[in-house]
Amino acid sequence: MALGMSVRRAQEEIDVDEFRNWLAYERIEPFGPRRQELMLAQLCSLTFNINRGKGVPASKVEDWMPEFRAVRKQSQQEIKHRLDLFFSVYEQHQEARK
């Protein structure tokens, strides 16, 4: 799946199993905007740590990662329910297109 692919095109070109594999892979090896944010956070942390004064604690990469919204911790059951719902709708859409 190419970055920047539209949802419609992705639905035409990949199946549910491939989509799940891409989601799993992206969690292991980030790509796209998430990867860019990680690289910039690494540079910020490195620059801060090189220039920090004595007695100033070192920063971590996580300190520089953006947070766009408060994330509520979800249970595995909630996550499974949302994924099941998503893939159910996706599969219905695929069946309707046949």
PDB file of N, CA and C in Angstrom:
ATOM      1  N   MET A   1       0.851  -1.173   0.000  1.00  0.00           N
ATOM      2  CA  MET A   1       0.000   0.000   0.000  1.00  0.00           C
ATOM      3  C   MET A   1       0.893   1.230   0.000  1.00  0.00           C
ATOM      4  N   ALA A   2       0.710   2.088  -0.967  1.00  0.00           N
ATOM      5  CA  ALA A   2       1.508   3.302  -1.068  1.00  0.00           C
ATOM      6  C   ALA A   2       1.007   4.342  -0.073  1.00  0.00           C
ATOM      7  N   LEU A   3       1.935   5.153   0.431  1.00  0.00           N
ATOM      8  CA  LEU A   3       1.529   6.244   1.313  1.00  0.00           C
ATOM      9  C   LEU A   3       0.744   7.254   0.495  1.00  0.00           C
ATOM     10  N   GLY A   4      -0.268   7.815   1.090  1.00  0.00           N
ATOM     11  CA  GLY A   4      -1.067   8.798   0.402  1.00  0.00           C
ATOM     12  C   GLY A   4      -2.169   8.194  -0.452  1.00  0.00           C
ATOM     13  N   MET A   5      -2.333   6.886  -0.393  1.00  0.00           N
ATOM     14  CA  MET A   5      -3.390   6.231  -1.162  1.00  0.00           C
ATOM     15  C   MET A   5      -4.742   6.589  -0.546  1.00  0.00           C
ATOM     16  N   SER A   6      -5.717   6.842  -1.404  1.00  0.00           N
ATOM     17  CA  SER A   6      -7.043   7.163  -0.887  1.00  0.00           C
ATOM     18  C   SER A   6      -7.681   5.914  -0.284  1.00  0.00           C
ATOM     19  N   VAL A   7      -8.669   6.133   0.579  1.00  0.00           N
ATOM     20  CA  VAL A   7      -9.380   5.020   1.210  1.00  0.00           C
ATOM     21  C   VAL A   7     -10.057   4.170   0.137  1.00  0.00           C
ATOM     22  N   ARG A   8     -10.690   4.812  -0.816  1.00  0.00           N
ATOM     23  CA  ARG A   8     -11.389   4.079  -1.878  1.00  0.00           C
ATOM     24  C   ARG A   8     -10.422   3.191  -2.666  1.00  0.00           C
ATOM     25  N   ARG A   9      -9.284   3.758  -3.035  1.00  0.00           N
ATOM     26  CA  ARG A   9      -8.306   2.968  -3.796  1.00  0.00           C
ATOM     27  C   ARG A   9      -7.751   1.823  -2.947  1.00  0.00           C
ATOM     28  N   ALA A  10      -7.487   2.102  -1.671  1.00  0.00           N
ATOM     29  CA  ALA A  10      -6.979   1.047  -0.787  1.00  0.00           C
ATOM     30  C   ALA A  10      -7.987  -0.088  -0.672  1.00  0.00           C
ATOM     31  N   GLN A  11      -9.270   0.254  -0.561  1.00  0.00           N
ATOM     32  CA  GLN A  11     -10.307  -0.778  -0.461  1.00  0.00           C
ATOM     33  C   GLN A  11     -10.384  -1.613  -1.735  1.00  0.00           C
ATOM     34  N   GLU A  12     -10.069  -1.010  -2.875  1.00  0.00           N
ATOM     35  CA  GLU A  12     -10.082  -1.745  -4.134  1.00  0.00           C
ATOM     36  C   GLU A  12      -8.869  -2.646  -4.281  1.00  0.00           C
ATOM     37  N   GLU A  13      -7.731  -2.241  -3.706  1.00  0.00           N
ATOM     38  CA  GLU A  13      -6.479  -2.931  -3.978  1.00  0.00           C
ATOM     39  C   GLU A  13      -6.008  -3.882  -2.880  1.00  0.00           C
ATOM     40  N   ILE A  14      -6.491  -3.713  -1.646  1.00  0.00           N
ATOM     41  CA  ILE A  14      -6.028  -4.605  -0.576  1.00  0.00           C
ATOM     42  C   ILE A  14      -7.215  -5.222   0.140  1.00  0.00           C
ATOM     43  N   ASP A  15      -6.991  -6.401   0.700  1.00  0.00           N
ATOM     44  CA  ASP A  15      -8.053  -7.057   1.448  1.00  0.00           C
ATOM     45  C   ASP A  15      -7.847  -6.829   2.949  1.00  0.00           C
ATOM     46  N   VAL A  16      -8.755  -7.337   3.743  1.00  0.00           N
ATOM     47  CA  VAL A  16      -8.739  -7.122   5.188  1.00  0.00           C
ATOM     48  C   VAL A  16      -7.460  -7.679   5.817  1.00  0.00           C
ATOM     49  N   ASP A  17      -7.039  -8.860   5.393  1.00  0.00           N
ATOM     50  CA  ASP A  17      -5.831  -9.459   5.968  1.00  0.00           C
ATOM     51  C   ASP A  17      -4.594  -8.603   5.701  1.00  0.00           C
ATOM     52  N   GLU A  18      -4.477  -8.095   4.479  1.00  0.00           N
ATOM     53  CA  GLU A  18      -3.327  -7.242   4.171  1.00  0.00           C
ATOM     54  C   GLU A  18      -3.383  -5.953   4.982  1.00  0.00           C
ATOM     55  N   PHE A  19      -4.582  -5.384   5.139  1.00  0.00           N
ATOM     56  CA  PHE A  19      -4.731  -4.161   5.928  1.00  0.00           C
ATOM     57  C   PHE A  19      -4.287  -4.400   7.373  1.00  0.00           C
ATOM     58  N   ARG A  20      -4.715  -5.510   7.940  1.00  0.00           N
ATOM     59  CA  ARG A  20      -4.307  -5.849   9.316  1.00  0.00           C
ATOM     60  C   ARG A  20      -2.798  -6.000   9.404  1.00  0.00           C
ATOM     61  N   ASN A  21      -2.182  -6.613   8.391  1.00  0.00           N
ATOM     62  CA  ASN A  21      -0.728  -6.773   8.382  1.00  0.00           C
ATOM     63  C   ASN A  21      -0.029  -5.413   8.336  1.00  0.00           C
ATOM     64  N   TRP A  22      -0.559  -4.472   7.525  1.00  0.00           N
ATOM     65  CA  TRP A  22       0.029  -3.137   7.472  1.00  0.00           C
ATOM     66  C   TRP A  22      -0.086  -2.427   8.824  1.00  0.00           C
ATOM     67  N   LEU A  23      -1.234  -2.571   9.490  1.00  0.00           N
ATOM     68  CA  LEU A  23      -1.399  -1.955  10.809  1.00  0.00           C
ATOM     69  C   LEU A  23      -0.373  -2.506  11.799  1.00  0.00           C
ATOM     70  N   ALA A  24      -0.197  -3.818  11.785  1.00  0.00           N
ATOM     71  CA  ALA A  24       0.769  -4.455  12.688  1.00  0.00           C
ATOM     72  C   ALA A  24       2.190  -4.005  12.358  1.00  0.00           C
ATOM     73  N   TYR A  25       2.519  -3.947  11.078  1.00  0.00           N
ATOM     74  CA  TYR A  25       3.861  -3.539  10.669  1.00  0.00           C
ATOM     75  C   TYR A  25       4.156  -2.093  11.082  1.00  0.00           C
ATOM     76  N   GLU A  26       3.176  -1.212  10.909  1.00  0.00           N
ATOM     77  CA  GLU A  26       3.386   0.194  11.243  1.00  0.00           C
ATOM     78  C   GLU A  26       3.636   0.387  12.737  1.00  0.00           C
ATOM     79  N   ARG A  27       3.072  -0.484  13.560  1.00  0.00           N
ATOM     80  CA  ARG A  27       3.327  -0.392  15.005  1.00  0.00           C
ATOM     81  C   ARG A  27       4.765  -0.778  15.333  1.00  0.00           C
ATOM     82  N   ILE A  28       5.338  -1.694  14.541  1.00  0.00           N
ATOM     83  CA  ILE A  28       6.715  -2.144  14.763  1.00  0.00           C
ATOM     84  C   ILE A  28       7.707  -1.182  14.131  1.00  0.00           C
ATOM     85  N   GLU A  29       7.423  -0.779  12.913  1.00  0.00           N
ATOM     86  CA  GLU A  29       8.324   0.075  12.135  1.00  0.00           C
ATOM     87  C   GLU A  29       7.532   1.253  11.567  1.00  0.00           C
ATOM     88  N   PRO A  30       7.445   2.353  12.326  1.00  0.00           N
ATOM     89  CA  PRO A  30       6.624   3.491  11.888  1.00  0.00           C
ATOM     90  C   PRO A  30       7.076   4.028  10.526  1.00  0.00           C
ATOM     91  N   PHE A  31       6.108   4.511   9.747  1.00  0.00           N
ATOM     92  CA  PHE A  31       6.417   5.160   8.481  1.00  0.00           C
ATOM     93  C   PHE A  31       5.486   6.353   8.308  1.00  0.00           C
ATOM     94  N   GLY A  32       5.773   7.176   7.330  1.00  0.00           N
ATOM     95  CA  GLY A  32       4.934   8.348   7.085  1.00  0.00           C
ATOM     96  C   GLY A  32       5.093   9.407   8.161  1.00  0.00           C
ATOM     97  N   PRO A  33       4.029  10.155   8.452  1.00  0.00           N
ATOM     98  CA  PRO A  33       4.119  11.259   9.412  1.00  0.00           C
ATOM     99  C   PRO A  33       4.595  10.824  10.797  1.00  0.00           C
ATOM    100  N   ARG A  34       4.180   9.652  11.238  1.00  0.00           N
ATOM    101  CA  ARG A  34       4.611   9.195  12.572  1.00  0.00           C
ATOM    102  C   ARG A  34       6.122   9.006  12.603  1.00  0.00           C
ATOM    103  N   ARG A  35       6.691   8.493  11.515  1.00  0.00           N
ATOM    104  CA  ARG A  35       8.135   8.305  11.429  1.00  0.00           C
ATOM    105  C   ARG A  35       8.842   9.662  11.443  1.00  0.00           C
ATOM    106  N   GLN A  36       8.306  10.625  10.717  1.00  0.00           N
ATOM    107  CA  GLN A  36       8.896  11.964  10.684  1.00  0.00           C
ATOM    108  C   GLN A  36       8.888  12.597  12.068  1.00  0.00           C
ATOM    109  N   GLU A  37       7.777  12.441  12.790  1.00  0.00           N
ATOM    110  CA  GLU A  37       7.697  12.986  14.145  1.00  0.00           C
ATOM    111  C   GLU A  37       8.737  12.338  15.053  1.00  0.00           C
ATOM    112  N   LEU A  38       8.921  11.035  14.907  1.00  0.00           N
ATOM    113  CA  LEU A  38       9.913  10.322  15.715  1.00  0.00           C
ATOM    114  C   LEU A  38      11.327  10.818  15.413  1.00  0.00           C
ATOM    115  N   MET A  39      11.649  10.979  14.134  1.00  0.00           N
ATOM    116  CA  MET A  39      12.991  11.454  13.769  1.00  0.00           C
ATOM    117  C   MET A  39      13.238  12.867  14.291  1.00  0.00           C
ATOM    118  N   LEU A  40      12.236  13.746  14.182  1.00  0.00           N
ATOM    119  CA  LEU A  40      12.397  15.106  14.696  1.00  0.00           C
ATOM    120  C   LEU A  40      12.538  15.116  16.213  1.00  0.00           C
ATOM    121  N   ALA A  41      11.790  14.259  16.882  1.00  0.00           N
ATOM    122  CA  ALA A  41      11.895  14.162  18.343  1.00  0.00           C
ATOM    123  C   ALA A  41      13.293  13.687  18.750  1.00  0.00           C
ATOM    124  N   GLN A  42      13.864  12.766  17.978  1.00  0.00           N
ATOM    125  CA  GLN A  42      15.221  12.294  18.264  1.00  0.00           C
ATOM    126  C   GLN A  42      16.224  13.437  18.127  1.00  0.00           C
ATOM    127  N   LEU A  43      16.073  14.236  17.066  1.00  0.00           N
ATOM    128  CA  LEU A  43      16.976  15.376  16.865  1.00  0.00           C
ATOM    129  C   LEU A  43      16.822  16.416  17.972  1.00  0.00           C
ATOM    130  N   CYS A  44      15.600  16.703  18.363  1.00  0.00           N
ATOM    131  CA  CYS A  44      15.359  17.666  19.444  1.00  0.00           C
ATOM    132  C   CYS A  44      15.990  17.187  20.750  1.00  0.00           C
ATOM    133  N   SER A  45      15.791  15.918  21.052  1.00  0.00           N
ATOM    134  CA  SER A  45      16.341  15.359  22.289  1.00  0.00           C
ATOM    135  C   SER A  45      17.872  15.407  22.261  1.00  0.00           C
ATOM    136  N   LEU A  46      18.442  15.017  21.140  1.00  0.00           N
ATOM    137  CA  LEU A  46      19.906  15.049  20.998  1.00  0.00           C
ATOM    138  C   LEU A  46      20.436  16.466  21.159  1.00  0.00           C
ATOM    139  N   THR A  47      19.817  17.432  20.481  1.00  0.00           N
ATOM    140  CA  THR A  47      20.262  18.822  20.553  1.00  0.00           C
ATOM    141  C   THR A  47      20.149  19.357  21.984  1.00  0.00           C
ATOM    142  N   PHE A  48      19.035  19.064  22.636  1.00  0.00           N
ATOM    143  CA  PHE A  48      18.859  19.502  24.025  1.00  0.00           C
ATOM    144  C   PHE A  48      19.934  18.891  24.925  1.00  0.00           C
ATOM    145  N   ASN A  49      20.140  17.590  24.785  1.00  0.00           N
ATOM    146  CA  ASN A  49      21.084  16.907  25.671  1.00  0.00           C
ATOM    147  C   ASN A  49      22.523  17.354  25.463  1.00  0.00           C
ATOM    148  N   ILE A  50      22.883  17.657  24.225  1.00  0.00           N
ATOM    149  CA  ILE A  50      24.240  18.147  23.956  1.00  0.00           C
ATOM    150  C   ILE A  50      24.465  19.513  24.605  1.00  0.00           C
ATOM    151  N   ASN A  51      23.417  20.326  24.633  1.00  0.00           N
ATOM    152  CA  ASN A  51      23.550  21.713  25.099  1.00  0.00           C
ATOM    153  C   ASN A  51      23.052  21.951  26.521  1.00  0.00           C
ATOM    154  N   ARG A  52      22.614  20.941  27.213  1.00  0.00           N
ATOM    155  CA  ARG A  52      22.077  21.146  28.562  1.00  0.00           C
ATOM    156  C   ARG A  52      23.205  21.473  29.537  1.00  0.00           C
ATOM    157  N   GLY A  53      22.849  22.215  30.531  1.00  0.00           N
ATOM    158  CA  GLY A  53      23.830  22.603  31.529  1.00  0.00           C
ATOM    159  C   GLY A  53      24.039  21.499  32.566  1.00  0.00           C
ATOM    160  N   LYS A  54      25.057  21.689  33.375  1.00  0.00           N
ATOM    161  CA  LYS A  54      25.324  20.721  34.438  1.00  0.00           C
ATOM    162  C   LYS A  54      24.159  20.707  35.402  1.00  0.00           C
ATOM    163  N   GLY A  55      23.777  19.534  35.827  1.00  0.00           N
ATOM    164  CA  GLY A  55      22.690  19.382  36.775  1.00  0.00           C
ATOM    165  C   GLY A  55      21.308  19.381  36.130  1.00  0.00           C
ATOM    166  N   VAL A  56      21.243  19.628  34.816  1.00  0.00           N
ATOM    167  CA  VAL A  56      19.957  19.598  34.115  1.00  0.00           C
ATOM    168  C   VAL A  56      19.724  18.173  33.637  1.00  0.00           C
ATOM    169  N   PRO A  57      18.597  17.573  34.004  1.00  0.00           N
ATOM    170  CA  PRO A  57      18.358  16.184  33.599  1.00  0.00           C
ATOM    171  C   PRO A  57      18.258  16.048  32.073  1.00  0.00           C
ATOM    172  N   ALA A  58      18.714  14.920  31.595  1.00  0.00           N
ATOM    173  CA  ALA A  58      18.646  14.637  30.156  1.00  0.00           C
ATOM    174  C   ALA A  58      17.194  14.450  29.726  1.00  0.00           C
ATOM    175  N   SER A  59      16.919  14.827  28.499  1.00  0.00           N
ATOM    176  CA  SER A  59      15.569  14.613  27.976  1.00  0.00           C
ATOM    177  C   SER A  59      15.516  13.261  27.278  1.00  0.00           C
ATOM    178  N   LYS A  60      14.303  12.774  27.113  1.00  0.00           N
ATOM    179  CA  LYS A  60      14.067  11.526  26.392  1.00  0.00           C
ATOM    180  C   LYS A  60      13.348  11.871  25.095  1.00  0.00           C
ATOM    181  N   VAL A  61      13.435  10.987  24.121  1.00  0.00           N
ATOM    182  CA  VAL A  61      12.755  11.200  22.838  1.00  0.00           C
ATOM    183  C   VAL A  61      11.265  11.426  23.069  1.00  0.00           C
ATOM    184  N   GLU A  62      10.676  10.656  23.993  1.00  0.00           N
ATOM    185  CA  GLU A  62       9.234  10.771  24.253  1.00  0.00           C
ATOM    186  C   GLU A  62       8.843  12.185  24.695  1.00  0.00           C
ATOM    187  N   ASP A  63       9.783  12.902  25.329  1.00  0.00           N
ATOM    188  CA  ASP A  63       9.495  14.262  25.785  1.00  0.00           C
ATOM    189  C   ASP A  63       9.201  15.202  24.620  1.00  0.00           C
ATOM    190  N   TRP A  64       9.647  14.854  23.436  1.00  0.00           N
ATOM    191  CA  TRP A  64       9.531  15.719  22.275  1.00  0.00           C
ATOM    192  C   TRP A  64       8.468  15.250  21.278  1.00  0.00           C
ATOM    193  N   MET A  65       7.815  14.146  21.562  1.00  0.00           N
ATOM    194  CA  MET A  65       6.775  13.650  20.653  1.00  0.00           C
ATOM    195  C   MET A  65       5.488  14.446  20.872  1.00  0.00           C
ATOM    196  N   PRO A  66       4.843  14.885  19.789  1.00  0.00           N
ATOM    197  CA  PRO A  66       3.600  15.646  19.943  1.00  0.00           C
ATOM    198  C   PRO A  66       2.461  14.786  20.449  1.00  0.00           C
ATOM    199  N   GLU A  67       1.582  15.397  21.213  1.00  0.00           N
ATOM    200  CA  GLU A  67       0.360  14.739  21.668  1.00  0.00           C
ATOM    201  C   GLU A  67      -0.799  15.570  21.147  1.00  0.00           C
ATOM    202  N   PHE A  68      -1.629  14.964  20.329  1.00  0.00           N
ATOM    203  CA  PHE A  68      -2.696  15.711  19.683  1.00  0.00           C
ATOM    204  C   PHE A  68      -4.007  15.655  20.447  1.00  0.00           C
ATOM    205  N   ARG A  69      -4.155  14.678  21.313  1.00  0.00           N
ATOM    206  CA  ARG A  69      -5.375  14.570  22.103  1.00  0.00           C
ATOM    207  C   ARG A  69      -5.097  13.666  23.290  1.00  0.00           C
ATOM    208  N   ALA A  70      -5.905  13.833  24.299  1.00  0.00           N
ATOM    209  CA  ALA A  70      -5.787  12.949  25.449  1.00  0.00           C
ATOM    210  C   ALA A  70      -6.287  11.569  25.027  1.00  0.00           C
ATOM    211  N   VAL A  71      -5.516  10.573  25.330  1.00  0.00           N
ATOM    212  CA  VAL A  71      -5.877   9.213  24.928  1.00  0.00           C
ATOM    213  C   VAL A  71      -6.376   8.460  26.147  1.00  0.00           C
ATOM    214  N   ARG A  72      -7.576   7.949  26.015  1.00  0.00           N
ATOM    215  CA  ARG A  72      -8.139   7.144  27.093  1.00  0.00           C
ATOM    216  C   ARG A  72      -7.716   5.703  26.865  1.00  0.00           C
ATOM    217  N   LYS A  73      -7.188   5.099  27.889  1.00  0.00           N
ATOM    218  CA  LYS A  73      -6.779   3.699  27.786  1.00  0.00           C
ATOM    219  C   LYS A  73      -8.017   2.848  27.560  1.00  0.00           C
ATOM    220  N   GLN A  74      -7.969   2.013  26.527  1.00  0.00           N
ATOM    221  CA  GLN A  74      -9.087   1.141  26.206  1.00  0.00           C
ATOM    222  C   GLN A  74      -8.746  -0.295  26.605  1.00  0.00           C
ATOM    223  N   SER A  75      -9.770  -1.005  27.004  1.00  0.00           N
ATOM    224  CA  SER A  75      -9.566  -2.415  27.322  1.00  0.00           C
ATOM    225  C   SER A  75      -9.412  -3.196  26.023  1.00  0.00           C
ATOM    226  N   GLN A  76      -8.880  -4.399  26.126  1.00  0.00           N
ATOM    227  CA  GLN A  76      -8.754  -5.249  24.943  1.00  0.00           C
ATOM    228  C   GLN A  76     -10.124  -5.552  24.349  1.00  0.00           C
ATOM    229  N   GLN A  77     -11.109  -5.659  25.201  1.00  0.00           N
ATOM    230  CA  GLN A  77     -12.473  -5.931  24.729  1.00  0.00           C
ATOM    231  C   GLN A  77     -12.994  -4.754  23.893  1.00  0.00           C
ATOM    232  N   GLU A  78     -12.746  -3.511  24.352  1.00  0.00           N
ATOM    233  CA  GLU A  78     -13.178  -2.337  23.589  1.00  0.00           C
ATOM    234  C   GLU A  78     -12.466  -2.253  22.244  1.00  0.00           C
ATOM    235  N   ILE A  79     -11.175  -2.514  22.246  1.00  0.00           N
ATOM    236  CA  ILE A  79     -10.405  -2.474  21.004  1.00  0.00           C
ATOM    237  C   ILE A  79     -10.903  -3.536  20.037  1.00  0.00           C
ATOM    238  N   LYS A  80     -11.121  -4.750  20.541  1.00  0.00           N
ATOM    239  CA  LYS A  80     -11.618  -5.842  19.703  1.00  0.00           C
ATOM    240  C   LYS A  80     -12.982  -5.481  19.120  1.00  0.00           C
ATOM    241  N   HIS A  81     -13.869  -4.905  19.947  1.00  0.00           N
ATOM    242  CA  HIS A  81     -15.196  -4.519  19.478  1.00  0.00           C
ATOM    243  C   HIS A  81     -15.091  -3.500  18.336  1.00  0.00           C
ATOM    244  N   ARG A  82     -14.242  -2.490  18.498  1.00  0.00           N
ATOM    245  CA  ARG A  82     -14.086  -1.470  17.461  1.00  0.00           C
ATOM    246  C   ARG A  82     -13.517  -2.059  16.173  1.00  0.00           C
ATOM    247  N   LEU A  83     -12.522  -2.930  16.297  1.00  0.00           N
ATOM    248  CA  LEU A  83     -11.945  -3.562  15.109  1.00  0.00           C
ATOM    249  C   LEU A  83     -12.960  -4.477  14.425  1.00  0.00           C
ATOM    250  N   ASP A  84     -13.690  -5.239  15.215  1.00  0.00           N
ATOM    251  CA  ASP A  84     -14.724  -6.110  14.634  1.00  0.00           C
ATOM    252  C   ASP A  84     -15.758  -5.287  13.880  1.00  0.00           C
ATOM    253  N   LEU A  85     -16.178  -4.177  14.465  1.00  0.00           N
ATOM    254  CA  LEU A  85     -17.157  -3.301  13.819  1.00  0.00           C
ATOM    255  C   LEU A  85     -16.594  -2.735  12.520  1.00  0.00           C
ATOM    256  N   PHE A  86     -15.367  -2.245  12.569  1.00  0.00           N
ATOM    257  CA  PHE A  86     -14.723  -1.677  11.391  1.00  0.00           C
ATOM    258  C   PHE A  86     -14.655  -2.700  10.261  1.00  0.00           C
ATOM    259  N   PHE A  87     -14.149  -3.902  10.573  1.00  0.00           N
ATOM    260  CA  PHE A  87     -13.981  -4.907   9.525  1.00  0.00           C
ATOM    261  C   PHE A  87     -15.318  -5.472   9.057  1.00  0.00           C
ATOM    262  N   SER A  88     -16.313  -5.484   9.907  1.00  0.00           N
ATOM    263  CA  SER A  88     -17.646  -5.914   9.497  1.00  0.00           C
ATOM    264  C   SER A  88     -18.201  -4.967   8.438  1.00  0.00           C
ATOM    265  N   VAL A  89     -18.089  -3.669   8.702  1.00  0.00           N
ATOM    266  CA  VAL A  89     -18.560  -2.681   7.737  1.00  0.00           C
ATOM    267  C   VAL A  89     -17.751  -2.770   6.448  1.00  0.00           C
ATOM    268  N   TYR A  90     -16.448  -2.926   6.574  1.00  0.00           N
ATOM    269  CA  TYR A  90     -15.577  -3.033   5.394  1.00  0.00           C
ATOM    270  C   TYR A  90     -15.956  -4.250   4.558  1.00  0.00           C
ATOM    271  N   GLU A  91     -16.151  -5.392   5.195  1.00  0.00           N
ATOM    272  CA  GLU A  91     -16.494  -6.612   4.466  1.00  0.00           C
ATOM    273  C   GLU A  91     -17.870  -6.489   3.808  1.00  0.00           C
ATOM    274  N   GLN A  92     -18.818  -5.844   4.483  1.00  0.00           N
ATOM    275  CA  GLN A  92     -20.137  -5.618   3.877  1.00  0.00           C
ATOM    276  C   GLN A  92     -20.001  -4.740   2.633  1.00  0.00           C
ATOM    277  N   HIS A  93     -19.172  -3.745   2.728  1.00  0.00           N
ATOM    278  CA  HIS A  93     -18.931  -2.858   1.588  1.00  0.00           C
ATOM    279  C   HIS A  93     -18.320  -3.640   0.431  1.00  0.00           C
ATOM    280  N   GLN A  94     -17.377  -4.512   0.727  1.00  0.00           N
ATOM    281  CA  GLN A  94     -16.732  -5.322  -0.327  1.00  0.00           C
ATOM    282  C   GLN A  94     -17.752  -6.253  -0.971  1.00  0.00           C
ATOM    283  N   GLU A  95     -18.613  -6.872  -0.162  1.00  0.00           N
ATOM    284  CA  GLU A  95     -19.633  -7.792  -0.694  1.00  0.00           C
ATOM    285  C   GLU A  95     -20.603  -7.032  -1.586  1.00  0.00           C
ATOM    286  N   ALA A  96     -20.981  -5.839  -1.192  1.00  0.00           N
ATOM    287  CA  ALA A  96     -21.951  -5.050  -1.961  1.00  0.00           C
ATOM    288  C   ALA A  96     -21.368  -4.640  -3.318  1.00  0.00           C
ATOM    289  N   ARG A  97     -20.058  -4.561  -3.411  1.00  0.00           N
ATOM    290  CA  ARG A  97     -19.410  -4.156  -4.659  1.00  0.00           C
ATOM    291  C   ARG A  97     -19.310  -5.303  -5.654  1.00  0.00           C
ATOM    292  N   LYS A  98     -19.508  -6.533  -5.185  1.00  0.00           N
ATOM    293  CA  LYS A  98     -19.374  -7.709  -6.077  1.00  0.00           C
ATOM    294  C   LYS A  98     -20.589  -7.867  -6.963  1.00  0.00           C
TER     295      LYS A  98
END
